[in-house]
Amino acid sequence: MSKYYPPVFEEQQFHCIHCGVYAKQYWNNLKLETHQHYKETNFRYSQCHHCGEFCYWYEGRMIIPSEAPVAPPHIDLPAICLDDYNEARDIVARSPRAAAALLRLTIQKLLAELGEKGQNINEDIGSLVKKGLPVEVQQALDYCRVVGNNAVHPGEIDLNDDPNIAHSLFEMINFIVEVRVSQPKKVAALYNILPEGALKAVEKRDQAKENT
């Protein structure tokens, strides 16, 4: 999974929110035409050098399109999770708490896709740990769980005071998908192109181990 560089005010390069390509950006001020004269405004726009689409900014914040500058969903994020993820992406700039609550629901659905019950996030994480879940993925899941719980039941973390915490949830979810969905799928695809004789030899070896 390549690093995502979110749109940042007056940065010269970032991942375009329209086409998703890491590209150069052209910046300029919006001007107001009055009586054949042009007047500077506090609005600026960036134009992607790859797709040519525009983003509009006011006082350092992107206002059009409305999506916050956070990572798009991982290509292998299960379809059942996409609507919640994208809705969270659309509202996180306006309400980090609401976005984090939606991402908590995304995690719950993702855990069900990973073979767990999908009813209690903490119990599902514990079950995965017993099955050998890598510690990095466990920490990412618990991060999402704790932040999401604070969004639903406000506690020690005030997401509205520090919206970057909510922003990081998107990156964490994509990391979990990369490790638990994408990487196993890639390995399985490569493994399955091995010659049939080699695959049968591996199967025979593993059966011998089970019988000892």
N, C-alpha and C. Protein backbone atom coordinates (compact mmCIF):
# COMPACT_ATOMS: atom_id res chain seq x y z
N MET A 1 0.85 -1.18 0.00
CA MET A 1 0.00 0.00 0.00
C MET A 1 0.89 1.24 0.00
N SER A 2 0.75 2.10 -1.03
CA SER A 2 1.60 3.28 -1.13
C SER A 2 1.14 4.36 -0.16
N LYS A 3 2.06 5.24 0.21
CA LYS A 3 1.75 6.30 1.15
C LYS A 3 0.79 7.29 0.52
N TYR A 4 -0.15 7.76 1.29
CA TYR A 4 -1.13 8.73 0.82
C TYR A 4 -0.73 10.12 1.30
N TYR A 5 -0.66 11.06 0.36
CA TYR A 5 -0.34 12.44 0.67
C TYR A 5 -1.62 13.26 0.49
N PRO A 6 -2.28 13.64 1.57
CA PRO A 6 -3.57 14.32 1.46
C PRO A 6 -3.42 15.74 0.93
N PRO A 7 -4.49 16.27 0.36
CA PRO A 7 -4.47 17.67 -0.06
C PRO A 7 -4.20 18.59 1.12
N VAL A 8 -3.25 19.49 0.95
CA VAL A 8 -2.87 20.46 1.98
C VAL A 8 -2.79 21.82 1.31
N PHE A 9 -3.30 22.83 1.99
CA PHE A 9 -3.37 24.17 1.44
C PHE A 9 -2.00 24.65 0.97
N GLU A 10 -1.95 25.04 -0.30
CA GLU A 10 -0.78 25.61 -0.97
C GLU A 10 0.40 24.64 -1.13
N GLU A 11 0.18 23.35 -0.86
CA GLU A 11 1.21 22.36 -1.19
C GLU A 11 1.29 22.23 -2.71
N GLN A 12 2.49 21.97 -3.20
CA GLN A 12 2.70 21.90 -4.64
C GLN A 12 2.35 20.55 -5.24
N GLN A 13 2.33 19.50 -4.41
CA GLN A 13 1.98 18.16 -4.87
C GLN A 13 1.21 17.43 -3.78
N PHE A 14 0.19 16.70 -4.16
CA PHE A 14 -0.52 15.81 -3.23
C PHE A 14 -1.42 14.89 -4.06
N HIS A 15 -2.07 13.95 -3.37
CA HIS A 15 -3.01 13.07 -4.06
C HIS A 15 -4.30 13.83 -4.35
N CYS A 16 -4.62 13.95 -5.61
CA CYS A 16 -5.82 14.68 -6.02
C CYS A 16 -7.06 14.00 -5.47
N ILE A 17 -7.96 14.77 -4.90
CA ILE A 17 -9.17 14.20 -4.32
C ILE A 17 -10.15 13.75 -5.40
N HIS A 18 -9.94 14.22 -6.64
CA HIS A 18 -10.82 13.83 -7.75
C HIS A 18 -10.35 12.54 -8.42
N CYS A 19 -9.08 12.52 -8.86
CA CYS A 19 -8.60 11.37 -9.64
C CYS A 19 -7.75 10.41 -8.81
N GLY A 20 -7.33 10.82 -7.60
CA GLY A 20 -6.54 9.94 -6.74
C GLY A 20 -5.08 9.84 -7.09
N VAL A 21 -4.64 10.59 -8.11
CA VAL A 21 -3.24 10.54 -8.56
C VAL A 21 -2.40 11.53 -7.77
N TYR A 22 -1.18 11.12 -7.42
CA TYR A 22 -0.23 12.04 -6.79
C TYR A 22 0.31 12.95 -7.89
N ALA A 23 -0.06 14.21 -7.85
CA ALA A 23 0.23 15.10 -8.98
C ALA A 23 0.53 16.51 -8.51
N LYS A 24 1.18 17.27 -9.39
CA LYS A 24 1.44 18.67 -9.13
C LYS A 24 0.12 19.45 -9.14
N GLN A 25 0.12 20.56 -8.39
CA GLN A 25 -1.07 21.39 -8.29
C GLN A 25 -0.73 22.84 -8.66
N TYR A 26 -1.61 23.43 -9.44
CA TYR A 26 -1.47 24.84 -9.79
C TYR A 26 -2.39 25.65 -8.90
N TRP A 27 -1.86 26.71 -8.27
CA TRP A 27 -2.63 27.52 -7.32
C TRP A 27 -2.86 28.92 -7.87
N ASN A 28 -4.04 29.47 -7.57
CA ASN A 28 -4.31 30.86 -7.92
C ASN A 28 -5.47 31.37 -7.08
N ASN A 29 -5.64 32.70 -7.07
CA ASN A 29 -6.75 33.32 -6.35
C ASN A 29 -7.98 33.40 -7.23
N LEU A 30 -9.15 33.28 -6.60
CA LEU A 30 -10.40 33.58 -7.30
C LEU A 30 -10.61 35.09 -7.28
N LYS A 31 -11.03 35.62 -8.39
CA LYS A 31 -11.24 37.06 -8.50
C LYS A 31 -12.71 37.35 -8.78
N LEU A 32 -13.18 38.46 -8.26
CA LEU A 32 -14.56 38.89 -8.44
C LEU A 32 -14.60 40.01 -9.48
N GLU A 33 -15.40 39.79 -10.52
CA GLU A 33 -15.51 40.79 -11.58
C GLU A 33 -16.58 41.82 -11.22
N THR A 34 -16.22 43.08 -11.14
CA THR A 34 -17.16 44.15 -10.84
C THR A 34 -16.90 45.33 -11.77
N HIS A 35 -17.87 45.67 -12.61
CA HIS A 35 -17.77 46.83 -13.51
C HIS A 35 -16.47 46.80 -14.32
N GLN A 36 -16.23 45.66 -14.92
CA GLN A 36 -15.06 45.47 -15.79
C GLN A 36 -13.73 45.53 -15.04
N HIS A 37 -13.80 45.40 -13.72
CA HIS A 37 -12.58 45.32 -12.91
C HIS A 37 -12.60 44.01 -12.14
N TYR A 38 -11.43 43.57 -11.77
CA TYR A 38 -11.32 42.33 -11.00
C TYR A 38 -10.82 42.64 -9.60
N LYS A 39 -11.50 42.07 -8.62
CA LYS A 39 -11.15 42.29 -7.23
C LYS A 39 -10.72 40.97 -6.60
N GLU A 40 -9.60 41.01 -5.89
CA GLU A 40 -9.11 39.80 -5.22
C GLU A 40 -10.08 39.37 -4.13
N THR A 41 -10.20 38.05 -3.94
CA THR A 41 -11.03 37.50 -2.85
C THR A 41 -10.15 36.66 -1.93
N ASN A 42 -10.74 36.19 -0.84
CA ASN A 42 -10.02 35.30 0.08
C ASN A 42 -10.10 33.84 -0.33
N PHE A 43 -10.69 33.59 -1.48
CA PHE A 43 -10.81 32.23 -1.98
C PHE A 43 -9.64 31.92 -2.92
N ARG A 44 -9.13 30.70 -2.80
CA ARG A 44 -8.10 30.22 -3.72
C ARG A 44 -8.56 28.90 -4.32
N TYR A 45 -7.95 28.54 -5.42
CA TYR A 45 -8.26 27.25 -6.01
C TYR A 45 -6.97 26.54 -6.38
N SER A 46 -7.03 25.22 -6.36
CA SER A 46 -5.93 24.39 -6.84
C SER A 46 -6.46 23.59 -8.03
N GLN A 47 -5.60 23.42 -9.02
CA GLN A 47 -5.97 22.64 -10.22
C GLN A 47 -4.97 21.52 -10.39
N CYS A 48 -5.49 20.31 -10.49
CA CYS A 48 -4.64 19.12 -10.64
C CYS A 48 -4.04 19.08 -12.04
N HIS A 49 -2.72 18.89 -12.11
CA HIS A 49 -2.06 18.83 -13.41
C HIS A 49 -2.33 17.51 -14.13
N HIS A 50 -2.88 16.52 -13.43
CA HIS A 50 -3.17 15.24 -14.07
C HIS A 50 -4.56 15.22 -14.70
N CYS A 51 -5.58 15.57 -13.90
CA CYS A 51 -6.95 15.46 -14.41
C CYS A 51 -7.56 16.82 -14.76
N GLY A 52 -6.92 17.91 -14.32
CA GLY A 52 -7.43 19.23 -14.64
C GLY A 52 -8.58 19.71 -13.78
N GLU A 53 -9.02 18.90 -12.81
CA GLU A 53 -10.14 19.29 -11.96
C GLU A 53 -9.69 20.29 -10.89
N PHE A 54 -10.66 21.03 -10.35
CA PHE A 54 -10.39 22.10 -9.40
C PHE A 54 -10.85 21.73 -7.99
N CYS A 55 -10.13 22.25 -7.01
CA CYS A 55 -10.58 22.27 -5.62
C CYS A 55 -10.59 23.72 -5.17
N TYR A 56 -11.57 24.09 -4.37
CA TYR A 56 -11.72 25.47 -3.93
C TYR A 56 -11.51 25.56 -2.42
N TRP A 57 -10.75 26.57 -2.01
CA TRP A 57 -10.28 26.70 -0.63
C TRP A 57 -10.65 28.08 -0.08
N TYR A 58 -10.94 28.10 1.22
CA TYR A 58 -11.22 29.37 1.91
C TYR A 58 -10.55 29.36 3.27
N GLU A 59 -9.70 30.34 3.48
CA GLU A 59 -8.95 30.46 4.73
C GLU A 59 -8.24 29.16 5.08
N GLY A 60 -7.61 28.57 4.08
CA GLY A 60 -6.80 27.38 4.28
C GLY A 60 -7.54 26.07 4.32
N ARG A 61 -8.87 26.09 4.17
CA ARG A 61 -9.67 24.87 4.23
C ARG A 61 -10.30 24.58 2.87
N MET A 62 -10.25 23.32 2.47
CA MET A 62 -10.94 22.92 1.25
C MET A 62 -12.44 22.91 1.51
N ILE A 63 -13.18 23.63 0.67
CA ILE A 63 -14.63 23.68 0.85
C ILE A 63 -15.39 22.99 -0.28
N ILE A 64 -14.77 22.89 -1.45
CA ILE A 64 -15.35 22.14 -2.58
C ILE A 64 -14.22 21.34 -3.24
N PRO A 65 -14.34 20.03 -3.37
CA PRO A 65 -15.43 19.19 -2.88
C PRO A 65 -15.42 19.09 -1.36
N SER A 66 -16.50 18.53 -0.83
CA SER A 66 -16.68 18.56 0.62
C SER A 66 -15.88 17.49 1.35
N GLU A 67 -15.36 16.48 0.63
CA GLU A 67 -14.62 15.43 1.30
C GLU A 67 -13.41 16.00 2.03
N ALA A 68 -13.16 15.50 3.22
CA ALA A 68 -11.96 15.91 3.94
C ALA A 68 -10.75 15.29 3.26
N PRO A 69 -9.59 15.90 3.44
CA PRO A 69 -8.38 15.36 2.81
C PRO A 69 -7.85 14.14 3.55
N VAL A 70 -8.60 13.06 3.47
CA VAL A 70 -8.17 11.80 4.09
C VAL A 70 -8.14 10.73 3.01
N ALA A 71 -7.49 9.62 3.34
CA ALA A 71 -7.27 8.57 2.34
C ALA A 71 -8.59 7.98 1.83
N PRO A 72 -8.69 7.73 0.53
CA PRO A 72 -9.86 7.01 0.00
C PRO A 72 -9.84 5.57 0.49
N PRO A 73 -10.94 4.85 0.36
CA PRO A 73 -10.98 3.47 0.83
C PRO A 73 -10.00 2.58 0.07
N HIS A 74 -9.40 1.65 0.80
CA HIS A 74 -8.51 0.66 0.18
C HIS A 74 -9.28 -0.09 -0.89
N ILE A 75 -8.61 -0.42 -1.97
CA ILE A 75 -9.27 -1.11 -3.08
C ILE A 75 -9.90 -2.43 -2.65
N ASP A 76 -9.36 -3.06 -1.59
CA ASP A 76 -9.88 -4.34 -1.12
C ASP A 76 -10.79 -4.20 0.10
N LEU A 77 -11.17 -2.98 0.46
CA LEU A 77 -12.15 -2.83 1.54
C LEU A 77 -13.44 -3.51 1.12
N PRO A 78 -13.98 -4.42 1.93
CA PRO A 78 -15.20 -5.13 1.53
C PRO A 78 -16.33 -4.17 1.18
N ALA A 79 -17.13 -4.57 0.21
CA ALA A 79 -18.20 -3.71 -0.30
C ALA A 79 -19.17 -3.29 0.80
N ILE A 80 -19.38 -4.17 1.78
CA ILE A 80 -20.34 -3.86 2.84
C ILE A 80 -19.87 -2.70 3.71
N CYS A 81 -18.58 -2.40 3.65
CA CYS A 81 -18.00 -1.33 4.47
C CYS A 81 -17.91 0.01 3.73
N LEU A 82 -18.06 -0.01 2.42
CA LEU A 82 -17.76 1.17 1.61
C LEU A 82 -18.64 2.37 1.91
N ASP A 83 -19.95 2.16 2.04
CA ASP A 83 -20.85 3.29 2.25
C ASP A 83 -20.53 4.02 3.55
N ASP A 84 -20.28 3.26 4.62
CA ASP A 84 -19.97 3.89 5.91
C ASP A 84 -18.65 4.64 5.83
N TYR A 85 -17.66 4.03 5.19
CA TYR A 85 -16.35 4.66 5.06
C TYR A 85 -16.45 5.97 4.29
N ASN A 86 -17.14 5.92 3.15
CA ASN A 86 -17.24 7.11 2.30
C ASN A 86 -18.10 8.20 2.94
N GLU A 87 -19.12 7.81 3.68
CA GLU A 87 -19.93 8.81 4.39
C GLU A 87 -19.08 9.48 5.48
N ALA A 88 -18.27 8.68 6.18
CA ALA A 88 -17.37 9.25 7.18
C ALA A 88 -16.38 10.21 6.54
N ARG A 89 -15.89 9.85 5.38
CA ARG A 89 -14.94 10.70 4.66
C ARG A 89 -15.59 12.03 4.26
N ASP A 90 -16.86 11.98 3.95
CA ASP A 90 -17.57 13.17 3.50
C ASP A 90 -17.85 14.15 4.64
N ILE A 91 -18.01 13.63 5.88
CA ILE A 91 -18.44 14.51 6.97
C ILE A 91 -17.36 14.79 8.01
N VAL A 92 -16.19 14.16 7.89
CA VAL A 92 -15.22 14.27 8.98
C VAL A 92 -14.75 15.70 9.20
N ALA A 93 -14.72 16.52 8.15
CA ALA A 93 -14.31 17.91 8.34
C ALA A 93 -15.33 18.69 9.16
N ARG A 94 -16.61 18.32 9.04
CA ARG A 94 -17.66 19.03 9.76
C ARG A 94 -17.92 18.43 11.12
N SER A 95 -17.77 17.11 11.26
CA SER A 95 -18.03 16.46 12.54
C SER A 95 -17.11 15.26 12.71
N PRO A 96 -15.93 15.45 13.29
CA PRO A 96 -15.02 14.32 13.52
C PRO A 96 -15.64 13.21 14.35
N ARG A 97 -16.47 13.59 15.33
CA ARG A 97 -17.10 12.56 16.19
C ARG A 97 -18.05 11.69 15.39
N ALA A 98 -18.86 12.31 14.54
CA ALA A 98 -19.81 11.52 13.73
C ALA A 98 -19.06 10.61 12.77
N ALA A 99 -17.98 11.11 12.20
CA ALA A 99 -17.18 10.29 11.28
C ALA A 99 -16.56 9.11 12.01
N ALA A 100 -16.03 9.36 13.21
CA ALA A 100 -15.42 8.27 13.98
C ALA A 100 -16.44 7.21 14.37
N ALA A 101 -17.67 7.63 14.66
CA ALA A 101 -18.73 6.67 14.97
C ALA A 101 -19.04 5.79 13.76
N LEU A 102 -19.06 6.39 12.57
CA LEU A 102 -19.28 5.61 11.35
C LEU A 102 -18.12 4.65 11.09
N LEU A 103 -16.91 5.07 11.38
CA LEU A 103 -15.76 4.20 11.17
C LEU A 103 -15.73 3.07 12.19
N ARG A 104 -16.26 3.31 13.36
CA ARG A 104 -16.41 2.23 14.34
C ARG A 104 -17.34 1.15 13.77
N LEU A 105 -18.42 1.58 13.13
CA LEU A 105 -19.33 0.64 12.48
C LEU A 105 -18.63 -0.07 11.32
N THR A 106 -17.78 0.65 10.60
CA THR A 106 -17.00 0.05 9.52
C THR A 106 -16.12 -1.08 10.05
N ILE A 107 -15.45 -0.83 11.17
CA ILE A 107 -14.60 -1.86 11.80
C ILE A 107 -15.42 -3.06 12.20
N GLN A 108 -16.61 -2.82 12.76
CA GLN A 108 -17.47 -3.93 13.19
C GLN A 108 -17.84 -4.81 12.00
N LYS A 109 -18.18 -4.20 10.87
CA LYS A 109 -18.52 -4.95 9.67
C LYS A 109 -17.29 -5.65 9.09
N LEU A 110 -16.15 -4.99 9.17
CA LEU A 110 -14.91 -5.58 8.66
C LEU A 110 -14.54 -6.82 9.45
N LEU A 111 -14.72 -6.78 10.76
CA LEU A 111 -14.41 -7.94 11.60
C LEU A 111 -15.30 -9.13 11.23
N ALA A 112 -16.55 -8.86 10.89
CA ALA A 112 -17.43 -9.95 10.45
C ALA A 112 -16.93 -10.54 9.14
N GLU A 113 -16.40 -9.68 8.25
CA GLU A 113 -15.84 -10.16 6.98
C GLU A 113 -14.57 -10.98 7.21
N LEU A 114 -13.89 -10.74 8.33
CA LEU A 114 -12.68 -11.48 8.66
C LEU A 114 -12.99 -12.78 9.42
N GLY A 115 -14.28 -13.12 9.50
CA GLY A 115 -14.66 -14.40 10.09
C GLY A 115 -15.09 -14.34 11.53
N GLU A 116 -15.19 -13.15 12.10
CA GLU A 116 -15.63 -13.03 13.50
C GLU A 116 -17.13 -12.76 13.56
N LYS A 117 -17.66 -12.64 14.76
CA LYS A 117 -19.11 -12.49 14.93
C LYS A 117 -19.60 -11.11 14.48
N GLY A 118 -18.75 -10.10 14.62
CA GLY A 118 -19.14 -8.77 14.21
C GLY A 118 -20.16 -8.11 15.12
N GLN A 119 -20.23 -8.55 16.37
CA GLN A 119 -21.19 -7.99 17.32
C GLN A 119 -20.50 -7.19 18.43
N ASN A 120 -19.38 -7.71 18.92
CA ASN A 120 -18.62 -7.04 19.97
C ASN A 120 -17.18 -6.89 19.49
N ILE A 121 -16.78 -5.67 19.23
CA ILE A 121 -15.46 -5.43 18.63
C ILE A 121 -14.35 -5.96 19.53
N ASN A 122 -14.45 -5.70 20.82
CA ASN A 122 -13.39 -6.13 21.75
C ASN A 122 -13.25 -7.65 21.76
N GLU A 123 -14.37 -8.35 21.80
CA GLU A 123 -14.33 -9.82 21.79
C GLU A 123 -13.78 -10.34 20.47
N ASP A 124 -14.15 -9.71 19.37
CA ASP A 124 -13.65 -10.14 18.06
C ASP A 124 -12.14 -9.96 17.96
N ILE A 125 -11.63 -8.84 18.49
CA ILE A 125 -10.18 -8.63 18.47
C ILE A 125 -9.49 -9.69 19.31
N GLY A 126 -10.05 -9.98 20.48
CA GLY A 126 -9.48 -11.03 21.34
C GLY A 126 -9.45 -12.37 20.65
N SER A 127 -10.51 -12.69 19.90
CA SER A 127 -10.56 -13.95 19.16
C SER A 127 -9.47 -14.00 18.09
N LEU A 128 -9.27 -12.90 17.39
CA LEU A 128 -8.22 -12.86 16.36
C LEU A 128 -6.83 -12.97 16.98
N VAL A 129 -6.64 -12.38 18.15
CA VAL A 129 -5.35 -12.48 18.83
C VAL A 129 -5.03 -13.94 19.16
N LYS A 130 -6.05 -14.68 19.62
CA LYS A 130 -5.86 -16.11 19.93
C LYS A 130 -5.50 -16.90 18.68
N LYS A 131 -5.92 -16.41 17.52
CA LYS A 131 -5.63 -17.09 16.26
C LYS A 131 -4.30 -16.65 15.65
N GLY A 132 -3.55 -15.81 16.39
CA GLY A 132 -2.22 -15.41 15.92
C GLY A 132 -2.18 -14.07 15.21
N LEU A 133 -3.10 -13.18 15.51
CA LEU A 133 -3.12 -11.86 14.88
C LEU A 133 -1.82 -11.11 15.17
N PRO A 134 -1.15 -10.57 14.15
CA PRO A 134 0.06 -9.78 14.38
C PRO A 134 -0.21 -8.61 15.31
N VAL A 135 0.74 -8.28 16.15
CA VAL A 135 0.53 -7.25 17.17
C VAL A 135 0.23 -5.90 16.53
N GLU A 136 0.83 -5.62 15.37
CA GLU A 136 0.59 -4.32 14.73
C GLU A 136 -0.88 -4.18 14.32
N VAL A 137 -1.48 -5.27 13.84
CA VAL A 137 -2.89 -5.23 13.45
C VAL A 137 -3.78 -5.14 14.68
N GLN A 138 -3.40 -5.86 15.74
CA GLN A 138 -4.16 -5.76 17.00
C GLN A 138 -4.16 -4.34 17.52
N GLN A 139 -3.01 -3.68 17.47
CA GLN A 139 -2.93 -2.31 17.95
C GLN A 139 -3.76 -1.37 17.08
N ALA A 140 -3.74 -1.59 15.76
CA ALA A 140 -4.54 -0.76 14.86
C ALA A 140 -6.04 -0.94 15.14
N LEU A 141 -6.45 -2.19 15.35
CA LEU A 141 -7.86 -2.46 15.66
C LEU A 141 -8.26 -1.84 16.99
N ASP A 142 -7.42 -1.99 18.00
CA ASP A 142 -7.75 -1.41 19.30
C ASP A 142 -7.76 0.11 19.25
N TYR A 143 -6.89 0.69 18.44
CA TYR A 143 -6.91 2.15 18.26
C TYR A 143 -8.28 2.57 17.72
N CYS A 144 -8.74 1.88 16.67
CA CYS A 144 -10.04 2.20 16.09
C CYS A 144 -11.17 1.97 17.09
N ARG A 145 -11.04 0.90 17.87
CA ARG A 145 -12.08 0.58 18.87
C ARG A 145 -12.18 1.68 19.93
N VAL A 146 -11.03 2.08 20.49
CA VAL A 146 -11.03 3.06 21.57
C VAL A 146 -11.50 4.42 21.07
N VAL A 147 -10.98 4.86 19.92
CA VAL A 147 -11.40 6.15 19.37
C VAL A 147 -12.88 6.12 19.01
N GLY A 148 -13.31 5.03 18.39
CA GLY A 148 -14.72 4.91 18.03
C GLY A 148 -15.63 4.91 19.23
N ASN A 149 -15.22 4.25 20.31
CA ASN A 149 -16.02 4.24 21.53
C ASN A 149 -16.15 5.63 22.13
N ASN A 150 -15.07 6.42 22.04
CA ASN A 150 -15.12 7.79 22.56
C ASN A 150 -16.02 8.67 21.71
N ALA A 151 -16.20 8.29 20.45
CA ALA A 151 -17.13 9.05 19.59
C ALA A 151 -18.57 8.77 19.99
N VAL A 152 -18.85 7.51 20.35
CA VAL A 152 -20.22 7.12 20.73
C VAL A 152 -20.51 7.49 22.18
N HIS A 153 -19.53 7.25 23.06
CA HIS A 153 -19.66 7.55 24.48
C HIS A 153 -18.48 8.44 24.88
N PRO A 154 -18.62 9.76 24.78
CA PRO A 154 -17.49 10.66 25.02
C PRO A 154 -16.78 10.37 26.32
N GLY A 155 -15.45 10.30 26.23
CA GLY A 155 -14.64 9.99 27.40
C GLY A 155 -13.44 10.90 27.47
N GLU A 156 -12.24 10.29 27.48
CA GLU A 156 -11.02 11.07 27.65
C GLU A 156 -10.55 11.71 26.35
N ILE A 157 -11.02 11.24 25.21
CA ILE A 157 -10.59 11.77 23.91
C ILE A 157 -11.69 12.66 23.35
N ASP A 158 -11.37 13.93 23.13
CA ASP A 158 -12.31 14.86 22.52
C ASP A 158 -11.95 15.02 21.05
N LEU A 159 -12.69 14.35 20.19
CA LEU A 159 -12.36 14.33 18.77
C LEU A 159 -12.55 15.68 18.11
N ASN A 160 -13.47 16.49 18.63
CA ASN A 160 -13.68 17.80 18.04
C ASN A 160 -12.52 18.74 18.36
N ASP A 161 -11.84 18.50 19.48
CA ASP A 161 -10.67 19.31 19.82
C ASP A 161 -9.45 18.89 19.02
N ASP A 162 -9.38 17.61 18.65
CA ASP A 162 -8.23 17.11 17.89
C ASP A 162 -8.72 16.25 16.73
N PRO A 163 -9.18 16.88 15.64
CA PRO A 163 -9.74 16.12 14.52
C PRO A 163 -8.74 15.21 13.84
N ASN A 164 -7.43 15.43 14.04
CA ASN A 164 -6.43 14.56 13.43
C ASN A 164 -6.56 13.12 13.92
N ILE A 165 -7.09 12.95 15.13
CA ILE A 165 -7.30 11.58 15.65
C ILE A 165 -8.33 10.86 14.79
N ALA A 166 -9.41 11.56 14.45
CA ALA A 166 -10.43 10.96 13.58
C ALA A 166 -9.86 10.72 12.19
N HIS A 167 -9.05 11.66 11.69
CA HIS A 167 -8.45 11.49 10.37
C HIS A 167 -7.59 10.23 10.31
N SER A 168 -6.89 9.94 11.39
CA SER A 168 -5.98 8.78 11.40
C SER A 168 -6.72 7.46 11.33
N LEU A 169 -8.01 7.45 11.69
CA LEU A 169 -8.78 6.21 11.63
C LEU A 169 -8.85 5.66 10.21
N PHE A 170 -8.95 6.55 9.24
CA PHE A 170 -9.02 6.11 7.84
C PHE A 170 -7.75 5.36 7.46
N GLU A 171 -6.60 5.90 7.87
CA GLU A 171 -5.33 5.25 7.57
C GLU A 171 -5.23 3.90 8.27
N MET A 172 -5.70 3.85 9.51
CA MET A 172 -5.65 2.59 10.27
C MET A 172 -6.51 1.51 9.61
N ILE A 173 -7.70 1.88 9.18
CA ILE A 173 -8.59 0.90 8.53
C ILE A 173 -7.95 0.38 7.25
N ASN A 174 -7.37 1.26 6.46
CA ASN A 174 -6.71 0.82 5.23
C ASN A 174 -5.52 -0.08 5.52
N PHE A 175 -4.80 0.20 6.60
CA PHE A 175 -3.68 -0.66 7.00
C PHE A 175 -4.18 -2.06 7.35
N ILE A 176 -5.27 -2.13 8.10
CA ILE A 176 -5.83 -3.43 8.50
C ILE A 176 -6.25 -4.22 7.26
N VAL A 177 -6.90 -3.55 6.32
CA VAL A 177 -7.33 -4.22 5.09
C VAL A 177 -6.13 -4.71 4.28
N GLU A 178 -5.09 -3.90 4.22
CA GLU A 178 -3.90 -4.29 3.47
C GLU A 178 -3.30 -5.58 4.03
N VAL A 179 -3.18 -5.66 5.38
CA VAL A 179 -2.51 -6.79 6.01
C VAL A 179 -3.40 -8.04 6.04
N ARG A 180 -4.68 -7.86 6.35
CA ARG A 180 -5.56 -9.01 6.57
C ARG A 180 -6.34 -9.45 5.34
N VAL A 181 -6.43 -8.59 4.31
CA VAL A 181 -7.20 -8.95 3.11
C VAL A 181 -6.29 -8.99 1.88
N SER A 182 -5.60 -7.88 1.61
CA SER A 182 -4.84 -7.78 0.36
C SER A 182 -3.64 -8.70 0.32
N GLN A 183 -2.82 -8.67 1.39
CA GLN A 183 -1.60 -9.48 1.37
C GLN A 183 -1.90 -10.97 1.28
N PRO A 184 -2.84 -11.53 2.08
CA PRO A 184 -3.16 -12.95 1.91
C PRO A 184 -3.68 -13.27 0.51
N LYS A 185 -4.45 -12.36 -0.08
CA LYS A 185 -4.98 -12.59 -1.42
C LYS A 185 -3.85 -12.64 -2.46
N LYS A 186 -2.88 -11.76 -2.31
CA LYS A 186 -1.74 -11.74 -3.23
C LYS A 186 -0.91 -13.01 -3.10
N VAL A 187 -0.67 -13.43 -1.84
CA VAL A 187 0.12 -14.64 -1.61
C VAL A 187 -0.60 -15.86 -2.18
N ALA A 188 -1.92 -15.94 -1.96
CA ALA A 188 -2.70 -17.08 -2.46
C ALA A 188 -2.68 -17.14 -3.98
N ALA A 189 -2.77 -15.97 -4.61
CA ALA A 189 -2.75 -15.94 -6.08
C ALA A 189 -1.43 -16.43 -6.63
N LEU A 190 -0.33 -16.06 -6.00
CA LEU A 190 0.99 -16.52 -6.44
C LEU A 190 1.17 -18.01 -6.16
N TYR A 191 0.72 -18.44 -4.97
CA TYR A 191 0.87 -19.84 -4.59
C TYR A 191 0.13 -20.76 -5.55
N ASN A 192 -1.03 -20.32 -5.98
CA ASN A 192 -1.87 -21.17 -6.82
C ASN A 192 -1.38 -21.32 -8.25
N ILE A 193 -0.36 -20.57 -8.64
CA ILE A 193 0.20 -20.76 -9.98
C ILE A 193 1.35 -21.77 -9.97
N LEU A 194 1.68 -22.30 -8.79
CA LEU A 194 2.71 -23.33 -8.71
C LEU A 194 2.23 -24.58 -9.45
N PRO A 195 3.15 -25.38 -9.98
CA PRO A 195 2.77 -26.62 -10.68
C PRO A 195 1.96 -27.54 -9.77
N GLU A 196 1.04 -28.28 -10.38
CA GLU A 196 0.16 -29.15 -9.61
C GLU A 196 0.95 -30.16 -8.80
N GLY A 197 2.05 -30.67 -9.38
CA GLY A 197 2.85 -31.65 -8.65
C GLY A 197 3.44 -31.07 -7.39
N ALA A 198 3.89 -29.83 -7.44
CA ALA A 198 4.47 -29.17 -6.26
C ALA A 198 3.40 -28.96 -5.19
N LEU A 199 2.18 -28.57 -5.62
CA LEU A 199 1.10 -28.35 -4.66
C LEU A 199 0.71 -29.65 -3.96
N LYS A 200 0.69 -30.77 -4.71
CA LYS A 200 0.35 -32.07 -4.11
C LYS A 200 1.44 -32.52 -3.14
N ALA A 201 2.69 -32.20 -3.46
CA ALA A 201 3.79 -32.56 -2.57
C ALA A 201 3.68 -31.81 -1.25
N VAL A 202 3.30 -30.55 -1.32
CA VAL A 202 3.12 -29.75 -0.10
C VAL A 202 1.97 -30.32 0.72
N GLU A 203 0.87 -30.67 0.03
CA GLU A 203 -0.29 -31.23 0.72
C GLU A 203 0.07 -32.55 1.41
N LYS A 204 0.83 -33.38 0.71
CA LYS A 204 1.25 -34.66 1.28
C LYS A 204 2.15 -34.44 2.49
N ARG A 205 3.06 -33.49 2.40
CA ARG A 205 3.95 -33.19 3.52
C ARG A 205 3.17 -32.75 4.73
N ASP A 206 2.17 -31.87 4.54
CA ASP A 206 1.41 -31.34 5.67
C ASP A 206 0.52 -32.41 6.29
N GLN A 207 -0.01 -33.31 5.46
CA GLN A 207 -0.81 -34.41 6.00
C GLN A 207 0.04 -35.33 6.83
N ALA A 208 1.29 -35.55 6.43
CA ALA A 208 2.20 -36.38 7.20
C ALA A 208 2.48 -35.76 8.55
N LYS A 209 2.59 -34.43 8.60
CA LYS A 209 2.83 -33.73 9.87
C LYS A 209 1.64 -33.92 10.82
N GLU A 210 0.42 -33.84 10.25
CA GLU A 210 -0.78 -33.98 11.07
C GLU A 210 -0.91 -35.38 11.67
N ASN A 211 -0.37 -36.37 10.98
CA ASN A 211 -0.50 -37.75 11.44
C ASN A 211 0.60 -38.17 12.42
N THR A 212 1.58 -37.29 12.63
CA THR A 212 2.67 -37.64 13.55
C THR A 212 2.36 -37.12 14.95
